[in-house]
Protein backbone atom coordinates (compact mmCIF):
# COMPACT_ATOMS: atom_id res chain seq x y z
CA MET A 1 0.00 0.00 0.00
CA PRO A 2 2.55 2.64 -0.98
CA GLN A 3 -0.16 5.10 -2.09
CA ARG A 4 -1.90 4.96 1.27
CA SER A 5 1.25 5.59 3.28
CA SER A 6 2.28 8.39 0.91
CA PHE A 7 -1.16 9.98 1.31
CA GLY A 8 -0.94 9.59 5.08
CA GLN A 9 2.40 11.40 5.04
CA LYS A 10 0.89 14.22 2.98
CA LEU A 11 -1.96 14.54 5.49
CA ALA A 12 0.48 14.59 8.39
CA THR A 13 2.66 17.29 6.84
CA THR A 14 -0.18 19.53 5.64
CA ILE A 15 -3.43 19.63 7.59
CA GLY A 16 -1.88 17.57 10.38
CA GLN A 17 0.51 20.46 11.07
CA ASP A 18 -1.88 23.34 10.34
CA PRO A 19 -5.53 22.22 9.98
CA TYR A 20 -6.74 25.74 9.19
CA GLY A 21 -4.08 26.37 6.52
CA HIS A 22 -2.89 24.70 3.31
CA GLY A 23 -5.66 26.17 1.19
CA SER A 24 -8.45 24.69 3.30
CA SER A 25 -11.79 26.44 3.53
CA PRO A 26 -14.65 26.29 6.02
CA VAL A 27 -17.77 24.31 5.09
CA GLY A 28 -21.19 25.81 5.65
CA GLY A 29 -19.94 28.65 7.83
CA ASP A 30 -18.48 26.23 10.40
CA HIS A 31 -14.86 27.23 11.04
CA ASP A 32 -13.96 23.75 12.36
CA ARG A 33 -15.43 21.77 9.44
CA ARG A 34 -13.04 22.12 6.49
CA ASP A 35 -12.38 21.08 2.88
CA ALA A 36 -8.88 20.85 1.42
CA THR A 37 -7.20 19.36 -1.63
CA ILE A 38 -4.34 17.09 -0.60
CA GLY A 39 -2.48 15.55 -3.54
CA ALA A 40 -5.17 14.28 -5.91
CA ALA A 41 -7.83 13.94 -3.19
CA ILE A 42 -10.45 16.30 -1.82
CA VAL A 43 -10.65 15.86 1.94
CA ARG A 44 -13.47 17.03 4.20
CA TYR A 45 -12.48 16.98 7.83
CA ALA A 46 -13.41 18.25 11.26
CA VAL A 47 -10.98 19.93 13.63
CA SER A 48 -11.20 19.53 17.38
CA GLY A 49 -8.80 21.93 19.05
CA SER A 50 -9.58 20.81 22.58
CA VAL A 51 -8.00 17.40 21.97
CA LEU A 52 -5.74 18.31 19.00
CA THR A 53 -7.53 15.95 16.60
CA VAL A 54 -8.25 16.14 12.88
CA THR A 55 -10.91 13.64 11.75
CA VAL A 56 -11.39 12.93 8.04
CA VAL A 57 -15.13 12.62 7.45
CA ARG A 58 -15.16 12.35 3.64
CA LEU A 59 -12.47 11.55 1.10
CA LEU A 60 -12.92 11.86 -2.67
CA TYR A 61 -10.17 10.40 -4.78
């Protein structure tokens, strides 16, 4: 699964480091629900600052 580990590394070095950066945008006016393009995938994710967690809720590849 080289693609999966490569994608995981991209997530870790982009939205994993700065979930509000890297060209992400809020979804539906909710600052903590975000969309971003990572590599060839569109990722929708939720940010929880209280526990330092980014949860991918939808992935389009």
